[in-house]
Amino acid sequence: MGFTATRDGGAAILLDAGEASILRSLVAQVLGLVQPGSTDDDPLQRALGIGSAQAPSDPVLARLFPSAYADDDEAAAEFRRYTEATLRDGKRADAEVLLETAEQGKVELSPEQAQSWLRALNDVRLALGVRLEVTEEVHEELAEMAEDDPRYPAYVTYDWLTYLQDTLVRALW
C-alpha cells in the first residue's frame, strides 16, 4: 500500500522491514554520490560554496545536476560553479530526512518531511533509471521480462519507487 494523506497536510505509509531497508539503502547510495563535489583550492571560494565549473562525468551525477544552458558551455559552467554546492546541500538534506524517518511500521511525515521524501525518491529514481537505461517503455519491458532475468529485481524496484512517488504526490495534492 502506498502513501495516504494525513490531516495536517503530510503523508503516511506503512512499511515492512524489507521496504524500509531497501529505501534506506538506495537513498544512502545516492547520498554518497551527492557528497560535496570538488572545489578549487581557494579557501574563500570554499567558504562561499563556490564549486567546480566542470560538468560531472558520471552519467548519474549529470542527470542529478544537469547543465542549465545546453547551448552555452561557458554560461553553463558559470551557473554550475555558483549553484551546484547549494543543490548538493539540498539533495543531502532531503536524503537525510528520508534516512531518519524511513523505518519499519507506520511512518507519518509532516508536510515538510513529505516534500523531502518526494525529492529524495525522485533522486533515487533518476539515479536508478540512468543506471538501468530506463526508457518510456519500462512498463512494457517489465511486463515481458522473465522473473529469472538478472535485471528483474532492479526493474521491479524502479517500478516500486515510481509507485511510491506517485502515491506520495497524490497524497500531498
Protein backbone atom coordinates (compact mmCIF):
# COMPACT_ATOMS: atom_id res chain seq x y z
CA MET A 1 0.00 0.00 0.00
CA GLY A 2 1.25 3.47 -0.84
CA PHE A 3 1.04 6.84 0.86
CA THR A 4 -2.14 8.32 2.25
CA ALA A 5 -2.84 11.92 3.20
CA THR A 6 -2.80 12.96 6.84
CA ARG A 7 -4.96 15.65 8.44
CA ASP A 8 -2.03 18.03 8.83
CA GLY A 9 -1.21 18.04 5.11
CA GLY A 10 1.54 15.44 5.40
CA ALA A 11 1.50 11.81 4.39
CA ALA A 12 1.71 8.38 5.97
CA ILE A 13 2.77 4.95 4.79
CA LEU A 14 3.11 1.52 6.32
CA LEU A 15 6.50 -0.01 5.50
CA ASP A 16 7.62 -3.52 6.24
CA ALA A 17 11.20 -4.17 7.30
CA GLY A 18 12.33 -5.06 3.78
CA GLU A 19 10.81 -1.96 2.21
CA ALA A 20 12.35 0.33 4.81
CA SER A 21 15.73 -1.36 4.32
CA ILE A 22 15.61 -1.04 0.53
CA LEU A 23 14.65 2.64 0.74
CA ARG A 24 17.39 3.39 3.23
CA SER A 25 19.99 1.51 1.18
CA LEU A 26 19.12 3.24 -2.09
CA VAL A 27 18.96 6.68 -0.51
CA ALA A 28 22.29 6.09 1.26
CA GLN A 29 23.84 5.27 -2.12
CA VAL A 30 22.54 8.49 -3.64
CA LEU A 31 23.70 10.38 -0.56
CA GLY A 32 27.19 9.04 -1.19
CA LEU A 33 27.05 10.30 -4.77
CA VAL A 34 25.97 13.83 -3.86
CA GLN A 35 28.64 14.50 -1.27
CA PRO A 36 30.37 17.81 -1.90
CA GLY A 37 31.97 17.99 -5.31
CA SER A 38 35.46 19.19 -5.93
CA THR A 39 36.19 22.80 -5.15
CA ASP A 40 39.11 24.99 -6.04
CA ASP A 41 41.97 25.30 -3.58
CA ASP A 42 40.99 28.90 -2.83
CA PRO A 43 39.78 28.96 0.82
CA LEU A 44 37.48 31.92 0.12
CA GLN A 45 35.77 30.02 -2.69
CA ARG A 46 35.32 27.01 -0.41
CA ALA A 47 33.88 29.22 2.34
CA LEU A 48 31.43 30.81 -0.10
CA GLY A 49 30.35 27.46 -1.52
CA ILE A 50 31.76 28.17 -4.95
CA GLY A 51 32.50 24.88 -6.60
CA SER A 52 33.90 23.44 -9.74
CA ALA A 53 32.55 24.65 -13.07
CA GLN A 54 33.20 21.27 -14.66
CA ALA A 55 30.17 19.13 -15.52
CA PRO A 56 30.16 15.70 -13.86
CA SER A 57 31.46 12.81 -15.94
CA ASP A 58 29.31 10.25 -14.09
CA PRO A 59 26.02 9.94 -16.03
CA VAL A 60 24.02 9.72 -12.79
CA LEU A 61 25.52 12.95 -11.46
CA ALA A 62 25.00 14.57 -14.86
CA ARG A 63 21.30 13.64 -14.56
CA LEU A 64 21.04 14.83 -10.95
CA PHE A 65 22.90 18.08 -11.79
CA PRO A 66 22.08 18.84 -15.43
CA SER A 67 23.57 21.76 -17.32
CA ALA A 68 21.46 24.89 -17.09
CA TYR A 69 22.42 26.01 -20.59
CA ALA A 70 22.64 23.25 -23.17
CA ASP A 71 23.75 25.60 -25.94
CA ASP A 72 26.26 27.68 -23.99
CA ASP A 73 29.08 25.80 -22.27
CA GLU A 74 30.56 28.93 -20.71
CA ALA A 75 27.27 30.07 -19.17
CA ALA A 76 26.53 26.52 -18.01
CA ALA A 77 29.94 26.33 -16.32
CA GLU A 78 29.45 29.65 -14.52
CA PHE A 79 25.95 28.66 -13.41
CA ARG A 80 27.21 25.31 -12.13
CA ARG A 81 30.08 26.96 -10.30
CA TYR A 82 27.74 29.10 -8.21
CA THR A 83 24.79 26.73 -7.74
CA GLU A 84 25.91 23.12 -7.58
CA ALA A 85 27.16 23.25 -3.98
CA THR A 86 23.75 24.51 -2.83
CA LEU A 87 21.95 21.90 -4.93
CA ARG A 88 24.12 19.18 -3.40
CA ASP A 89 23.32 20.51 0.08
CA GLY A 90 19.61 20.30 -0.66
CA LYS A 91 19.82 16.76 -2.02
CA ARG A 92 21.82 15.67 1.03
CA ALA A 93 19.31 17.28 3.40
CA ASP A 94 16.39 15.55 1.67
CA ALA A 95 18.18 12.19 1.74
CA GLU A 96 18.96 12.59 5.43
CA VAL A 97 15.29 13.29 6.22
CA LEU A 98 14.31 10.08 4.48
CA LEU A 99 17.05 8.12 6.22
CA GLU A 100 15.93 9.48 9.61
CA THR A 101 12.25 8.68 9.08
CA ALA A 102 12.15 5.50 6.95
CA GLU A 103 11.51 2.76 9.46
CA GLN A 104 9.50 -0.39 9.75
CA GLY A 105 5.87 0.25 10.62
CA LYS A 106 3.73 3.31 10.17
CA VAL A 107 5.72 6.31 9.00
CA GLU A 108 3.95 9.63 9.46
CA LEU A 109 5.52 12.58 7.69
CA SER A 110 4.93 16.27 8.28
CA PRO A 111 4.28 18.30 5.12
CA GLU A 112 7.95 19.37 5.08
CA GLN A 113 9.22 15.81 5.56
CA ALA A 114 6.87 14.58 2.84
CA GLN A 115 8.33 17.15 0.43
CA SER A 116 11.84 15.96 1.32
CA TRP A 117 10.76 12.37 0.69
CA LEU A 118 9.32 13.39 -2.66
CA ARG A 119 12.58 14.98 -3.75
CA ALA A 120 14.70 12.11 -2.37
CA LEU A 121 12.54 9.49 -4.10
CA ASN A 122 12.90 11.45 -7.33
CA ASP A 123 16.69 11.49 -6.97
CA VAL A 124 16.78 7.73 -6.34
CA ARG A 125 14.52 7.07 -9.33
CA LEU A 126 16.68 9.28 -11.55
CA ALA A 127 19.87 7.56 -10.41
CA LEU A 128 18.45 4.06 -10.81
CA GLY A 129 16.82 4.98 -14.11
CA VAL A 130 20.15 6.15 -15.53
CA ARG A 131 21.95 3.00 -14.39
CA LEU A 132 19.18 0.80 -15.84
CA GLU A 133 18.95 2.91 -19.00
CA VAL A 134 15.20 3.19 -18.44
CA THR A 135 13.12 4.33 -21.38
CA GLU A 136 9.44 5.22 -21.78
CA GLU A 137 8.78 1.54 -22.45
CA VAL A 138 9.92 0.42 -18.98
CA HIS A 139 6.49 -0.93 -18.01
CA GLU A 140 6.21 -2.93 -21.24
CA GLU A 141 9.72 -4.31 -20.73
CA LEU A 142 8.92 -5.29 -17.16
CA ALA A 143 5.67 -6.99 -18.18
CA GLU A 144 7.57 -9.14 -20.69
CA MET A 145 10.64 -9.75 -18.52
CA ALA A 146 11.09 -13.22 -17.02
CA GLU A 147 11.44 -13.28 -13.24
CA ASP A 148 14.78 -15.10 -13.59
CA ASP A 149 16.18 -12.27 -15.72
CA PRO A 150 19.08 -10.76 -13.72
CA ARG A 151 17.68 -7.26 -14.36
CA TYR A 152 14.24 -8.15 -12.96
CA PRO A 153 14.83 -7.16 -9.30
CA ALA A 154 16.24 -3.77 -10.27
CA TYR A 155 13.36 -3.06 -12.67
CA VAL A 156 10.79 -4.12 -10.07
CA THR A 157 12.49 -1.83 -7.56
CA TYR A 158 12.35 1.04 -10.04
CA ASP A 159 8.66 0.34 -10.64
CA TRP A 160 8.00 0.26 -6.88
CA LEU A 161 9.80 3.60 -6.43
CA THR A 162 7.63 5.03 -9.19
CA TYR A 163 4.54 3.78 -7.36
CA LEU A 164 5.72 5.29 -4.06
CA GLN A 165 6.43 8.62 -5.68
CA ASP A 166 3.05 8.61 -7.44
CA THR A 167 1.11 7.81 -4.28
CA LEU A 168 3.05 10.45 -2.34
CA VAL A 169 2.24 13.09 -4.96
CA ARG A 170 -1.43 12.09 -4.84
CA ALA A 171 -1.46 12.20 -1.03
CA LEU A 172 0.01 15.69 -1.00
CA TRP A 173 -2.24 17.11 -3.69
